[in-house]
N, C-alpha and C. Protein backbone atom coordinates (compact mmCIF):
# COMPACT_ATOMS: atom_id res chain seq x y z
N UNK A 1 -22.44 -6.03 2.88
CA UNK A 1 -21.91 -7.13 3.66
C UNK A 1 -22.83 -7.35 4.85
N UNK A 2 -23.17 -8.58 5.14
CA UNK A 2 -24.07 -8.88 6.24
C UNK A 2 -23.30 -9.00 7.55
N UNK A 3 -24.03 -8.87 8.66
CA UNK A 3 -23.43 -9.03 9.99
C UNK A 3 -22.76 -10.38 10.09
N UNK A 4 -23.42 -11.39 9.58
CA UNK A 4 -22.88 -12.75 9.66
C UNK A 4 -21.52 -12.83 8.99
N UNK A 5 -21.37 -12.25 7.79
CA UNK A 5 -20.11 -12.39 7.08
C UNK A 5 -18.99 -11.58 7.73
N UNK A 6 -19.27 -10.38 8.27
CA UNK A 6 -18.24 -9.62 8.98
C UNK A 6 -17.82 -10.38 10.24
N UNK A 7 -18.80 -10.92 10.97
CA UNK A 7 -18.47 -11.71 12.16
C UNK A 7 -17.68 -12.96 11.78
N UNK A 8 -18.04 -13.60 10.68
CA UNK A 8 -17.29 -14.77 10.22
C UNK A 8 -15.87 -14.39 9.84
N UNK A 9 -15.71 -13.25 9.20
CA UNK A 9 -14.39 -12.80 8.78
C UNK A 9 -13.46 -12.62 9.97
N UNK A 10 -13.95 -12.01 11.03
CA UNK A 10 -13.08 -11.70 12.17
C UNK A 10 -13.03 -12.81 13.22
N UNK A 11 -13.82 -13.86 13.05
CA UNK A 11 -13.89 -14.93 14.06
C UNK A 11 -12.53 -15.56 14.35
N UNK A 12 -11.68 -15.68 13.35
CA UNK A 12 -10.38 -16.32 13.56
C UNK A 12 -9.26 -15.31 13.81
N UNK A 13 -9.59 -14.03 13.88
CA UNK A 13 -8.58 -13.00 14.12
C UNK A 13 -8.08 -13.08 15.56
N UNK A 14 -6.85 -12.61 15.83
CA UNK A 14 -6.38 -12.52 17.21
C UNK A 14 -7.33 -11.65 18.04
N UNK A 15 -7.42 -11.94 19.32
CA UNK A 15 -8.39 -11.27 20.18
C UNK A 15 -8.33 -9.75 20.12
N UNK A 16 -7.12 -9.16 20.19
CA UNK A 16 -7.00 -7.69 20.16
C UNK A 16 -7.56 -7.11 18.86
N UNK A 17 -7.24 -7.73 17.74
CA UNK A 17 -7.74 -7.26 16.45
C UNK A 17 -9.25 -7.44 16.34
N UNK A 18 -9.75 -8.55 16.83
CA UNK A 18 -11.19 -8.83 16.80
C UNK A 18 -11.95 -7.80 17.63
N UNK A 19 -11.43 -7.49 18.83
CA UNK A 19 -12.08 -6.49 19.70
C UNK A 19 -12.15 -5.13 19.02
N UNK A 20 -11.05 -4.71 18.42
CA UNK A 20 -11.02 -3.41 17.74
C UNK A 20 -12.02 -3.40 16.58
N UNK A 21 -12.05 -4.47 15.79
CA UNK A 21 -12.98 -4.54 14.65
C UNK A 21 -14.43 -4.50 15.12
N UNK A 22 -14.73 -5.21 16.21
CA UNK A 22 -16.11 -5.22 16.73
C UNK A 22 -16.54 -3.82 17.17
N UNK A 23 -15.62 -3.04 17.73
CA UNK A 23 -15.95 -1.67 18.13
C UNK A 23 -16.28 -0.81 16.92
N UNK A 24 -15.53 -0.99 15.85
CA UNK A 24 -15.80 -0.22 14.63
C UNK A 24 -17.15 -0.63 14.05
N UNK A 25 -17.42 -1.92 14.01
CA UNK A 25 -18.70 -2.41 13.50
C UNK A 25 -19.85 -1.84 14.33
N UNK A 26 -19.68 -1.84 15.66
CA UNK A 26 -20.74 -1.32 16.54
C UNK A 26 -20.98 0.17 16.29
N UNK A 27 -19.93 0.92 16.02
CA UNK A 27 -20.08 2.36 15.83
C UNK A 27 -20.49 2.76 14.42
N UNK A 28 -19.91 2.10 13.41
CA UNK A 28 -20.10 2.54 12.03
C UNK A 28 -20.87 1.56 11.14
N UNK A 29 -21.26 0.43 11.69
CA UNK A 29 -22.01 -0.54 10.90
C UNK A 29 -21.10 -1.48 10.15
N UNK A 30 -21.69 -2.21 9.23
CA UNK A 30 -20.95 -3.20 8.47
C UNK A 30 -19.93 -2.53 7.54
N UNK A 31 -18.80 -3.19 7.32
CA UNK A 31 -17.78 -2.61 6.44
C UNK A 31 -18.24 -2.56 4.99
N UNK A 32 -17.60 -1.68 4.24
CA UNK A 32 -17.87 -1.57 2.81
C UNK A 32 -17.14 -2.64 2.00
N UNK A 33 -16.06 -3.15 2.56
CA UNK A 33 -15.27 -4.19 1.90
C UNK A 33 -14.61 -5.05 2.96
N UNK A 34 -14.33 -6.30 2.59
CA UNK A 34 -13.71 -7.21 3.54
C UNK A 34 -12.87 -8.24 2.82
N UNK A 35 -11.83 -8.69 3.51
CA UNK A 35 -11.02 -9.82 3.07
C UNK A 35 -10.63 -10.57 4.33
N UNK A 36 -9.92 -11.66 4.18
CA UNK A 36 -9.46 -12.38 5.37
C UNK A 36 -8.56 -11.52 6.24
N UNK A 37 -7.89 -10.55 5.63
CA UNK A 37 -6.89 -9.75 6.34
C UNK A 37 -7.41 -8.43 6.88
N UNK A 38 -8.53 -7.91 6.33
CA UNK A 38 -8.98 -6.59 6.77
C UNK A 38 -10.45 -6.33 6.47
N UNK A 39 -10.98 -5.36 7.21
CA UNK A 39 -12.30 -4.80 6.96
C UNK A 39 -12.07 -3.32 6.64
N UNK A 40 -12.86 -2.76 5.71
CA UNK A 40 -12.67 -1.38 5.29
C UNK A 40 -14.01 -0.65 5.25
N UNK A 41 -14.02 0.55 5.81
CA UNK A 41 -15.17 1.45 5.76
C UNK A 41 -14.73 2.71 5.04
N UNK A 42 -15.64 3.32 4.27
CA UNK A 42 -15.35 4.57 3.57
C UNK A 42 -16.32 5.64 4.03
N UNK A 43 -15.77 6.82 4.28
CA UNK A 43 -16.57 8.02 4.58
C UNK A 43 -17.56 7.80 5.71
N UNK A 44 -17.05 7.37 6.84
CA UNK A 44 -17.87 7.18 8.05
C UNK A 44 -17.39 8.17 9.11
N UNK A 45 -18.34 8.89 9.70
CA UNK A 45 -17.97 9.90 10.69
C UNK A 45 -16.99 10.88 10.07
N UNK A 46 -15.94 11.26 10.80
CA UNK A 46 -14.97 12.21 10.25
C UNK A 46 -13.94 11.54 9.35
N UNK A 47 -14.05 10.24 9.15
CA UNK A 47 -13.00 9.46 8.51
C UNK A 47 -13.19 9.30 7.02
N UNK A 48 -12.14 9.48 6.28
CA UNK A 48 -12.12 9.19 4.85
C UNK A 48 -12.12 7.68 4.67
N UNK A 49 -11.40 7.00 5.56
CA UNK A 49 -11.31 5.55 5.49
C UNK A 49 -10.95 5.00 6.87
N UNK A 50 -11.50 3.84 7.18
CA UNK A 50 -11.14 3.09 8.39
C UNK A 50 -10.75 1.69 7.93
N UNK A 51 -9.62 1.21 8.42
CA UNK A 51 -9.17 -0.14 8.09
C UNK A 51 -8.88 -0.89 9.39
N UNK A 52 -9.63 -1.95 9.62
CA UNK A 52 -9.37 -2.83 10.76
C UNK A 52 -8.58 -4.02 10.21
N UNK A 53 -7.42 -4.28 10.79
CA UNK A 53 -6.52 -5.32 10.28
C UNK A 53 -6.48 -6.54 11.18
N UNK A 54 -6.35 -7.68 10.55
CA UNK A 54 -6.24 -8.95 11.25
C UNK A 54 -4.94 -9.02 12.06
N UNK A 55 -3.88 -8.44 11.51
CA UNK A 55 -2.56 -8.54 12.13
C UNK A 55 -2.19 -7.24 12.81
N UNK A 56 -2.28 -7.19 14.13
CA UNK A 56 -1.90 -5.96 14.83
C UNK A 56 -0.38 -5.81 14.89
N UNK A 57 0.06 -4.57 14.91
CA UNK A 57 1.47 -4.26 15.11
C UNK A 57 1.69 -3.94 16.58
N UNK A 58 2.81 -4.38 17.13
CA UNK A 58 3.15 -4.04 18.52
C UNK A 58 3.67 -2.62 18.54
N UNK A 59 3.12 -1.82 19.44
CA UNK A 59 3.51 -0.42 19.55
C UNK A 59 3.78 -0.11 21.01
N UNK A 60 4.88 0.53 21.29
CA UNK A 60 5.29 0.79 22.68
C UNK A 60 5.05 2.23 23.13
N UNK A 61 4.56 3.08 22.28
CA UNK A 61 4.32 4.46 22.69
C UNK A 61 2.84 4.70 22.85
N UNK A 62 2.40 5.26 23.95
CA UNK A 62 3.17 5.62 25.14
C UNK A 62 3.40 4.43 26.07
N UNK A 63 2.67 3.33 25.81
CA UNK A 63 2.83 2.07 26.55
C UNK A 63 2.50 0.96 25.56
N UNK A 64 2.89 -0.25 25.87
CA UNK A 64 2.65 -1.38 24.96
C UNK A 64 1.16 -1.55 24.68
N UNK A 65 0.84 -1.65 23.39
CA UNK A 65 -0.54 -1.90 22.95
C UNK A 65 -0.50 -2.38 21.50
N UNK A 66 -1.58 -2.98 21.03
CA UNK A 66 -1.63 -3.43 19.63
C UNK A 66 -2.23 -2.35 18.73
N UNK A 67 -1.60 -2.09 17.62
CA UNK A 67 -2.14 -1.18 16.60
C UNK A 67 -2.83 -2.04 15.55
N UNK A 68 -4.15 -2.01 15.52
CA UNK A 68 -4.86 -2.84 14.55
C UNK A 68 -5.93 -2.10 13.77
N UNK A 69 -6.14 -0.81 14.10
CA UNK A 69 -7.17 -0.05 13.40
C UNK A 69 -6.58 1.28 12.94
N UNK A 70 -6.62 1.48 11.62
CA UNK A 70 -6.12 2.73 11.05
C UNK A 70 -7.30 3.59 10.65
N UNK A 71 -7.21 4.88 11.00
CA UNK A 71 -8.25 5.82 10.62
C UNK A 71 -7.59 6.98 9.88
N UNK A 72 -8.15 7.30 8.72
CA UNK A 72 -7.53 8.21 7.77
C UNK A 72 -8.40 9.45 7.57
N UNK A 73 -7.74 10.61 7.51
CA UNK A 73 -8.43 11.86 7.19
C UNK A 73 -7.73 12.52 6.00
N UNK A 74 -8.47 13.36 5.31
CA UNK A 74 -7.87 14.21 4.27
C UNK A 74 -7.16 15.34 4.99
N UNK A 75 -5.86 15.48 4.72
CA UNK A 75 -5.07 16.49 5.44
C UNK A 75 -3.77 16.70 4.69
N UNK A 76 -3.45 17.94 4.43
CA UNK A 76 -2.19 18.25 3.75
C UNK A 76 -1.12 18.62 4.77
N UNK A 77 -0.09 17.83 4.80
CA UNK A 77 1.03 18.08 5.71
C UNK A 77 2.16 18.70 4.91
N UNK A 78 2.65 19.86 5.32
CA UNK A 78 3.81 20.43 4.63
C UNK A 78 5.00 19.47 4.71
N UNK A 79 5.74 19.38 3.64
CA UNK A 79 6.85 18.43 3.55
C UNK A 79 7.84 18.63 4.70
N UNK A 80 8.05 19.85 5.12
CA UNK A 80 9.03 20.10 6.20
C UNK A 80 8.53 19.65 7.57
N UNK A 81 7.32 19.14 7.67
CA UNK A 81 6.78 18.64 8.95
C UNK A 81 6.76 17.11 9.03
N UNK A 82 7.09 16.42 7.94
CA UNK A 82 7.06 14.96 7.94
C UNK A 82 7.96 14.36 9.02
N UNK A 83 9.17 14.85 9.13
CA UNK A 83 10.10 14.31 10.14
C UNK A 83 9.57 14.53 11.55
N UNK A 84 8.99 15.70 11.80
CA UNK A 84 8.43 15.97 13.13
C UNK A 84 7.33 14.96 13.47
N UNK A 85 6.46 14.67 12.51
CA UNK A 85 5.39 13.71 12.78
C UNK A 85 5.94 12.31 13.00
N UNK A 86 6.98 11.94 12.28
CA UNK A 86 7.61 10.63 12.49
C UNK A 86 8.24 10.56 13.88
N UNK A 87 8.83 11.65 14.35
CA UNK A 87 9.41 11.66 15.70
C UNK A 87 8.32 11.64 16.77
N UNK A 88 7.19 12.22 16.47
CA UNK A 88 6.08 12.25 17.43
C UNK A 88 5.53 10.86 17.69
N UNK A 89 5.13 10.16 16.62
CA UNK A 89 4.48 8.86 16.79
C UNK A 89 4.58 8.09 15.48
N UNK A 90 5.26 6.95 15.52
CA UNK A 90 5.43 6.13 14.33
C UNK A 90 4.14 5.58 13.77
N UNK A 91 3.07 5.64 14.54
CA UNK A 91 1.78 5.16 14.05
C UNK A 91 0.95 6.26 13.40
N UNK A 92 1.52 7.45 13.31
CA UNK A 92 0.92 8.53 12.52
C UNK A 92 1.66 8.54 11.20
N UNK A 93 0.92 8.36 10.12
CA UNK A 93 1.54 8.32 8.80
C UNK A 93 0.91 9.35 7.87
N UNK A 94 1.69 9.73 6.87
CA UNK A 94 1.25 10.75 5.92
C UNK A 94 1.45 10.22 4.51
N UNK A 95 0.46 10.46 3.66
CA UNK A 95 0.56 10.16 2.24
C UNK A 95 0.44 11.49 1.52
N UNK A 96 1.57 12.02 1.10
CA UNK A 96 1.61 13.34 0.46
C UNK A 96 0.79 13.37 -0.82
N UNK A 97 0.95 12.38 -1.67
CA UNK A 97 0.28 12.38 -2.96
C UNK A 97 -1.24 12.38 -2.80
N UNK A 98 -1.74 11.55 -1.92
CA UNK A 98 -3.19 11.47 -1.69
C UNK A 98 -3.71 12.60 -0.81
N UNK A 99 -2.82 13.25 -0.07
CA UNK A 99 -3.25 14.28 0.87
C UNK A 99 -3.97 13.67 2.05
N UNK A 100 -3.35 12.64 2.63
CA UNK A 100 -3.95 11.94 3.77
C UNK A 100 -3.00 11.87 4.95
N UNK A 101 -3.60 11.88 6.13
CA UNK A 101 -2.87 11.62 7.37
C UNK A 101 -3.67 10.55 8.11
N UNK A 102 -2.96 9.60 8.71
CA UNK A 102 -3.63 8.49 9.37
C UNK A 102 -3.00 8.23 10.73
N UNK A 103 -3.79 7.64 11.61
CA UNK A 103 -3.29 7.16 12.90
C UNK A 103 -3.72 5.71 13.03
N UNK A 104 -2.86 4.92 13.66
CA UNK A 104 -3.12 3.49 13.83
C UNK A 104 -2.96 3.14 15.30
N UNK A 105 -4.03 2.63 15.89
CA UNK A 105 -4.05 2.23 17.30
C UNK A 105 -5.11 1.15 17.45
N UNK A 106 -5.54 0.90 18.68
CA UNK A 106 -6.62 -0.07 18.89
C UNK A 106 -7.92 0.59 19.32
N UNK A 107 -7.88 1.90 19.55
CA UNK A 107 -9.06 2.64 19.98
C UNK A 107 -9.20 3.93 19.17
N UNK A 108 -10.42 4.22 18.74
CA UNK A 108 -10.66 5.45 18.01
C UNK A 108 -10.26 6.68 18.82
N UNK A 109 -10.54 6.69 20.11
CA UNK A 109 -10.19 7.84 20.95
C UNK A 109 -8.70 8.15 20.88
N UNK A 110 -7.88 7.11 20.83
CA UNK A 110 -6.44 7.32 20.77
C UNK A 110 -6.00 7.78 19.38
N UNK A 111 -6.70 7.34 18.34
CA UNK A 111 -6.40 7.85 17.00
C UNK A 111 -6.78 9.32 16.90
N UNK A 112 -7.90 9.70 17.48
CA UNK A 112 -8.28 11.11 17.51
C UNK A 112 -7.22 11.93 18.23
N UNK A 113 -6.78 11.45 19.37
CA UNK A 113 -5.75 12.14 20.16
C UNK A 113 -4.49 12.31 19.33
N UNK A 114 -4.03 11.25 18.70
CA UNK A 114 -2.80 11.30 17.90
C UNK A 114 -2.92 12.29 16.74
N UNK A 115 -4.04 12.25 16.03
CA UNK A 115 -4.21 13.15 14.89
C UNK A 115 -4.36 14.60 15.33
N UNK A 116 -5.06 14.84 16.42
CA UNK A 116 -5.17 16.21 16.93
C UNK A 116 -3.80 16.76 17.35
N UNK A 117 -3.00 15.94 17.98
CA UNK A 117 -1.66 16.38 18.38
C UNK A 117 -0.76 16.55 17.15
N UNK A 118 -0.93 15.69 16.15
CA UNK A 118 -0.17 15.85 14.90
C UNK A 118 -0.52 17.20 14.26
N UNK A 119 -1.79 17.55 14.27
CA UNK A 119 -2.22 18.85 13.75
C UNK A 119 -1.55 19.98 14.53
N UNK A 120 -1.49 19.84 15.85
CA UNK A 120 -0.82 20.86 16.67
C UNK A 120 0.65 21.02 16.29
N UNK A 121 1.31 19.91 15.99
CA UNK A 121 2.71 19.96 15.56
C UNK A 121 2.82 20.66 14.21
N UNK A 122 1.96 20.29 13.27
CA UNK A 122 1.99 20.88 11.93
C UNK A 122 1.76 22.39 12.00
N UNK A 123 0.85 22.82 12.85
CA UNK A 123 0.52 24.25 12.94
C UNK A 123 1.43 25.03 13.88
N UNK A 124 2.35 24.35 14.54
CA UNK A 124 3.28 25.03 15.44
C UNK A 124 2.76 25.28 16.84
N UNK A 125 1.59 24.74 17.16
CA UNK A 125 1.03 24.93 18.50
C UNK A 125 1.80 24.16 19.56
N UNK A 126 2.35 23.00 19.17
CA UNK A 126 3.12 22.16 20.09
C UNK A 126 4.40 21.69 19.43
N UNK A 127 5.38 21.43 20.27
CA UNK A 127 6.61 20.79 19.81
C UNK A 127 6.38 19.28 19.81
N UNK A 128 7.30 18.55 19.21
CA UNK A 128 7.22 17.09 19.22
C UNK A 128 7.26 16.59 20.66
N UNK A 129 8.21 17.11 21.44
CA UNK A 129 8.33 16.68 22.85
C UNK A 129 7.07 17.03 23.64
N UNK A 130 6.52 18.21 23.40
CA UNK A 130 5.30 18.61 24.09
C UNK A 130 4.11 17.73 23.72
N UNK A 131 4.01 17.38 22.45
CA UNK A 131 2.92 16.51 21.99
C UNK A 131 3.06 15.10 22.57
N UNK A 132 4.29 14.58 22.61
CA UNK A 132 4.51 13.24 23.19
C UNK A 132 4.14 13.23 24.67
N UNK A 133 4.52 14.27 25.39
CA UNK A 133 4.20 14.34 26.82
C UNK A 133 2.69 14.44 27.02
N UNK A 134 2.02 15.27 26.23
CA UNK A 134 0.57 15.43 26.32
C UNK A 134 -0.12 14.10 26.05
N UNK A 135 0.32 13.41 25.00
CA UNK A 135 -0.27 12.11 24.64
C UNK A 135 -0.16 11.14 25.81
N UNK A 136 1.03 11.04 26.39
CA UNK A 136 1.24 10.14 27.52
C UNK A 136 0.36 10.46 28.71
N UNK A 137 0.24 11.74 29.04
CA UNK A 137 -0.61 12.15 30.17
C UNK A 137 -2.07 11.82 29.90
N UNK A 138 -2.53 12.08 28.68
CA UNK A 138 -3.94 11.83 28.34
C UNK A 138 -4.26 10.33 28.42
N UNK A 139 -3.37 9.50 27.91
CA UNK A 139 -3.60 8.05 27.94
C UNK A 139 -3.58 7.54 29.39
N UNK A 140 -2.64 8.02 30.16
CA UNK A 140 -2.53 7.60 31.56
C UNK A 140 -3.80 7.99 32.34
N UNK A 141 -4.27 9.22 32.14
CA UNK A 141 -5.49 9.69 32.82
C UNK A 141 -6.70 8.84 32.41
N UNK A 142 -6.77 8.48 31.14
CA UNK A 142 -7.88 7.67 30.67
C UNK A 142 -7.82 6.27 31.28
N UNK A 143 -6.63 5.67 31.30
CA UNK A 143 -6.50 4.31 31.84
C UNK A 143 -6.76 4.27 33.35
N UNK A 144 -6.28 5.27 34.07
CA UNK A 144 -6.40 5.26 35.53
C UNK A 144 -7.75 5.76 36.03
N UNK A 145 -8.29 6.78 35.37
CA UNK A 145 -9.51 7.42 35.89
C UNK A 145 -10.69 7.39 34.94
N UNK A 146 -10.51 6.78 33.76
CA UNK A 146 -11.55 6.75 32.73
C UNK A 146 -12.04 8.16 32.37
N UNK A 147 -11.12 9.12 32.42
CA UNK A 147 -11.43 10.50 32.05
C UNK A 147 -10.85 10.74 30.66
N UNK A 148 -11.74 11.05 29.72
CA UNK A 148 -11.33 11.24 28.35
C UNK A 148 -10.92 12.69 28.12
N UNK A 149 -9.77 12.88 27.52
CA UNK A 149 -9.27 14.20 27.15
C UNK A 149 -10.13 14.76 26.01
N UNK A 150 -10.32 16.08 25.95
CA UNK A 150 -11.08 16.65 24.83
C UNK A 150 -10.53 16.24 23.46
N UNK A 151 -9.21 16.04 23.36
CA UNK A 151 -8.60 15.62 22.10
C UNK A 151 -8.93 14.17 21.74
N UNK A 152 -9.51 13.42 22.67
CA UNK A 152 -9.91 12.03 22.39
C UNK A 152 -11.38 11.95 21.95
N UNK A 153 -12.09 13.06 21.97
CA UNK A 153 -13.53 13.04 21.69
C UNK A 153 -13.89 13.38 20.25
N UNK A 154 -13.10 14.23 19.60
CA UNK A 154 -13.40 14.62 18.21
C UNK A 154 -12.18 15.29 17.61
N UNK A 155 -12.18 15.38 16.29
CA UNK A 155 -11.12 16.12 15.62
C UNK A 155 -11.31 17.60 15.90
N UNK A 156 -10.23 18.30 16.17
CA UNK A 156 -10.30 19.73 16.48
C UNK A 156 -9.92 20.57 15.27
N UNK A 157 -9.78 19.94 14.13
CA UNK A 157 -9.45 20.64 12.89
C UNK A 157 -10.39 20.14 11.81
N UNK A 158 -10.50 20.91 10.74
CA UNK A 158 -11.39 20.49 9.65
C UNK A 158 -10.59 19.72 8.61
N UNK A 159 -11.27 18.81 7.96
CA UNK A 159 -10.67 18.04 6.87
C UNK A 159 -11.40 18.40 5.60
N UNK A 160 -10.66 18.56 4.53
CA UNK A 160 -11.26 18.93 3.26
C UNK A 160 -10.80 17.98 2.18
N UNK A 161 -11.63 17.09 1.81
CA UNK A 161 -11.30 16.14 0.75
C UNK A 161 -11.13 16.87 -0.57
N UNK A 162 -10.14 16.45 -1.35
CA UNK A 162 -9.92 17.02 -2.67
C UNK A 162 -9.01 18.22 -2.68
N UNK A 163 -8.81 18.88 -1.55
CA UNK A 163 -7.96 20.06 -1.51
C UNK A 163 -6.63 19.74 -0.82
N UNK A 164 -6.41 18.50 -0.48
CA UNK A 164 -5.23 18.17 0.30
C UNK A 164 -4.17 17.41 -0.47
N UNK A 165 -4.51 16.89 -1.63
CA UNK A 165 -3.55 16.11 -2.41
C UNK A 165 -2.41 16.99 -2.91
N UNK A 166 -1.24 16.38 -3.00
CA UNK A 166 -0.06 17.07 -3.51
C UNK A 166 0.62 16.13 -4.51
N UNK A 167 0.24 16.23 -5.79
CA UNK A 167 0.79 15.32 -6.78
C UNK A 167 2.25 15.60 -7.14
N UNK A 168 2.87 16.60 -6.51
CA UNK A 168 4.27 16.92 -6.70
C UNK A 168 4.49 17.58 -8.06
N UNK A 169 5.75 17.69 -8.48
CA UNK A 169 6.12 18.37 -9.71
C UNK A 169 6.93 17.42 -10.57
N UNK A 170 6.62 17.36 -11.84
CA UNK A 170 7.36 16.48 -12.75
C UNK A 170 8.78 16.99 -12.93
N UNK A 171 9.74 16.08 -12.91
CA UNK A 171 11.13 16.44 -13.17
C UNK A 171 11.61 15.89 -14.50
N UNK A 172 10.73 15.21 -15.20
CA UNK A 172 11.07 14.67 -16.52
C UNK A 172 10.29 15.46 -17.54
N UNK A 173 11.00 16.13 -18.40
CA UNK A 173 10.35 16.97 -19.39
C UNK A 173 9.85 16.10 -20.54
N UNK A 174 8.67 16.39 -21.03
CA UNK A 174 8.17 15.61 -22.18
C UNK A 174 9.03 15.90 -23.41
N UNK A 175 9.14 14.90 -24.28
CA UNK A 175 9.89 15.09 -25.52
C UNK A 175 9.14 16.09 -26.39
N UNK A 176 9.91 16.95 -26.97
CA UNK A 176 9.33 17.92 -27.89
C UNK A 176 9.24 17.27 -29.27
N UNK A 177 8.17 17.49 -30.00
CA UNK A 177 8.08 16.91 -31.34
C UNK A 177 9.16 17.51 -32.24
N UNK A 178 9.68 16.66 -33.13
CA UNK A 178 10.70 17.14 -34.07
C UNK A 178 10.05 18.12 -35.04
N UNK A 179 10.80 19.14 -35.30
CA UNK A 179 10.31 20.16 -36.22
C UNK A 179 10.69 19.77 -37.65
N UNK A 180 9.81 19.97 -38.57
CA UNK A 180 10.12 19.71 -39.98
C UNK A 180 11.12 20.71 -40.53
N UNK A 181 11.66 20.44 -41.68
CA UNK A 181 12.60 21.35 -42.29
C UNK A 181 11.88 22.62 -42.69
N UNK A 182 12.55 23.69 -42.47
CA UNK A 182 11.97 24.98 -42.84
C UNK A 182 12.23 25.24 -44.31
N UNK A 183 11.31 25.79 -45.00
CA UNK A 183 11.45 26.08 -46.43
C UNK A 183 11.71 27.52 -46.64
């Protein structure tokens, strides 16, 4: 995809979504795929996938902002931690079958922060309340003093593609072939 076509694609996007997409383009280059609704990058930096969306979602945690960029990592979340992650941040999502965890915000630094804190919840290092408080303090410090928290700079855990999927267990037994008459 050429610079011209990515720029043409996002030209009519809302300003917040356009700004987020331009930051991704500046950091990771042209997308691997594009439509009127989204730009997609595969295997860039620590990310399995990056999706910049035309339509941002309004998000109020920790303060009002648009969620227009999703960044995905390979990560296996134990089933008993799904509710904790949902209580932590509705913009952190998990796909058990694919073995993916994603964060959706308007800045990569905030997605890194969210995913690092989600990892802390999964591993028991932090409670949901502790992670929410930490997230709020880090964002406030960044907005007021332009001081980036270490959790906003890089992932603090490793991601392993292919080892994180959980295809679950079949509950429907295959039909057994009919046995012929015994002689």
